[in-house]
Amino acid sequence: MFEKASKLDFAPAMYNRAFLLFKMSWDSSESEEFLFDSIHLLRVCLDNCDYIPDAHFLMGYYYEKGI
């Protein structure tokens, strides 16, 4: 459902999907692909709306870790 809603540019769903991809990257052999997809969704989410503080936090985490 997050995927369908994020394709309709619903920002909270984009963040939720990005967070799930972030969590999936911990336990997967395709972790790099999941991280890049997560970052792309976060960028689109933050471009569409600026009122999701958790999206800012996750993007800051990526910058802090150098991802």
C-alpha atoms as a PDB file:
ATOM      1  CA  MET A   1       0.000   0.000   0.000  1.00  0.00           C
ATOM      2  CA  PHE A   2       2.898   2.362   0.718  1.00  0.00           C
ATOM      3  CA  GLU A   3       4.185   1.755  -2.802  1.00  0.00           C
ATOM      4  CA  LYS A   4       0.838   2.577  -4.393  1.00  0.00           C
ATOM      5  CA  ALA A   5       0.357   5.691  -2.284  1.00  0.00           C
ATOM      6  CA  SER A   6       3.922   6.893  -2.854  1.00  0.00           C
ATOM      7  CA  LYS A   7       3.432   6.614  -6.607  1.00  0.00           C
ATOM      8  CA  LEU A   8       0.538   9.054  -6.142  1.00  0.00           C
ATOM      9  CA  ASP A   9       2.959  11.519  -4.480  1.00  0.00           C
ATOM     10  CA  PHE A  10       1.518  11.094  -0.983  1.00  0.00           C
ATOM     11  CA  ALA A  11       4.431  12.298   1.134  1.00  0.00           C
ATOM     12  CA  PRO A  12       3.727  10.346   4.370  1.00  0.00           C
ATOM     13  CA  ALA A  13       3.617   7.112   2.371  1.00  0.00           C
ATOM     14  CA  MET A  14       6.898   8.037   0.686  1.00  0.00           C
ATOM     15  CA  TYR A  15       8.520   8.502   4.065  1.00  0.00           C
ATOM     16  CA  ASN A  16       7.105   5.236   5.393  1.00  0.00           C
ATOM     17  CA  ARG A  17       8.319   3.351   2.338  1.00  0.00           C
ATOM     18  CA  ALA A  18      11.744   4.981   2.596  1.00  0.00           C
ATOM     19  CA  PHE A  19      11.963   3.963   6.246  1.00  0.00           C
ATOM     20  CA  LEU A  20      10.992   0.379   5.420  1.00  0.00           C
ATOM     21  CA  LEU A  21      13.674   0.250   2.728  1.00  0.00           C
ATOM     22  CA  PHE A  22      16.153   1.621   5.257  1.00  0.00           C
ATOM     23  CA  LYS A  23      15.244  -1.148   7.717  1.00  0.00           C
ATOM     24  CA  MET A  24      15.366  -3.807   4.967  1.00  0.00           C
ATOM     25  CA  SER A  25      18.886  -2.731   4.062  1.00  0.00           C
ATOM     26  CA  TRP A  26      20.169  -3.992   7.420  1.00  0.00           C
ATOM     27  CA  ASP A  27      19.321  -7.631   6.713  1.00  0.00           C
ATOM     28  CA  SER A  28      19.713  -7.916   2.980  1.00  0.00           C
ATOM     29  CA  SER A  29      22.415  -8.675   0.486  1.00  0.00           C
ATOM     30  CA  GLU A  30      20.945  -5.911  -1.718  1.00  0.00           C
ATOM     31  CA  SER A  31      21.474  -3.309   0.983  1.00  0.00           C
ATOM     32  CA  GLU A  32      23.054  -0.709  -1.287  1.00  0.00           C
ATOM     33  CA  GLU A  33      20.119  -0.784  -3.692  1.00  0.00           C
ATOM     34  CA  PHE A  34      17.643  -0.416  -0.813  1.00  0.00           C
ATOM     35  CA  LEU A  35      19.583   2.541   0.588  1.00  0.00           C
ATOM     36  CA  PHE A  36      19.659   4.367  -2.739  1.00  0.00           C
ATOM     37  CA  ASP A  37      15.923   3.767  -3.237  1.00  0.00           C
ATOM     38  CA  SER A  38      15.290   5.042   0.277  1.00  0.00           C
ATOM     39  CA  ILE A  39      17.325   8.196  -0.315  1.00  0.00           C
ATOM     40  CA  HIS A  40      15.554   8.861  -3.611  1.00  0.00           C
ATOM     41  CA  LEU A  41      12.143   8.560  -1.946  1.00  0.00           C
ATOM     42  CA  LEU A  42      13.209  10.846   0.875  1.00  0.00           C
ATOM     43  CA  ARG A  43      14.379  13.502  -1.578  1.00  0.00           C
ATOM     44  CA  VAL A  44      11.102  13.397  -3.468  1.00  0.00           C
ATOM     45  CA  CYS A  45       9.169  13.431  -0.192  1.00  0.00           C
ATOM     46  CA  LEU A  46      11.034  16.471   1.096  1.00  0.00           C
ATOM     47  CA  ASP A  47      10.602  18.233  -2.249  1.00  0.00           C
ATOM     48  CA  ASN A  48       6.836  17.669  -2.162  1.00  0.00           C
ATOM     49  CA  CYS A  49       6.264  18.720   1.433  1.00  0.00           C
ATOM     50  CA  ASP A  50       8.294  20.039   4.297  1.00  0.00           C
ATOM     51  CA  TYR A  51       6.204  19.078   7.309  1.00  0.00           C
ATOM     52  CA  ILE A  52       7.436  15.524   8.046  1.00  0.00           C
ATOM     53  CA  PRO A  53      10.121  15.873  10.734  1.00  0.00           C
ATOM     54  CA  ASP A  54      10.960  12.152  10.656  1.00  0.00           C
ATOM     55  CA  ALA A  55      11.939  12.462   6.994  1.00  0.00           C
ATOM     56  CA  HIS A  56      14.348  15.270   7.902  1.00  0.00           C
ATOM     57  CA  PHE A  57      15.773  13.135  10.703  1.00  0.00           C
ATOM     58  CA  LEU A  58      16.346  10.115   8.440  1.00  0.00           C
ATOM     59  CA  MET A  59      17.965  12.262   5.746  1.00  0.00           C
ATOM     60  CA  GLY A  60      20.190  13.802   8.401  1.00  0.00           C
ATOM     61  CA  TYR A  61      21.153  10.307   9.537  1.00  0.00           C
ATOM     62  CA  TYR A  62      22.199   9.449   5.987  1.00  0.00           C
ATOM     63  CA  TYR A  63      24.318  12.607   5.753  1.00  0.00           C
ATOM     64  CA  GLU A  64      25.876  11.984   9.153  1.00  0.00           C
ATOM     65  CA  LYS A  65      26.879   8.437   8.172  1.00  0.00           C
ATOM     66  CA  GLY A  66      28.143   9.580   4.781  1.00  0.00           C
ATOM     67  CA  ILE A  67      25.705   7.504   2.755  1.00  0.00           C
END
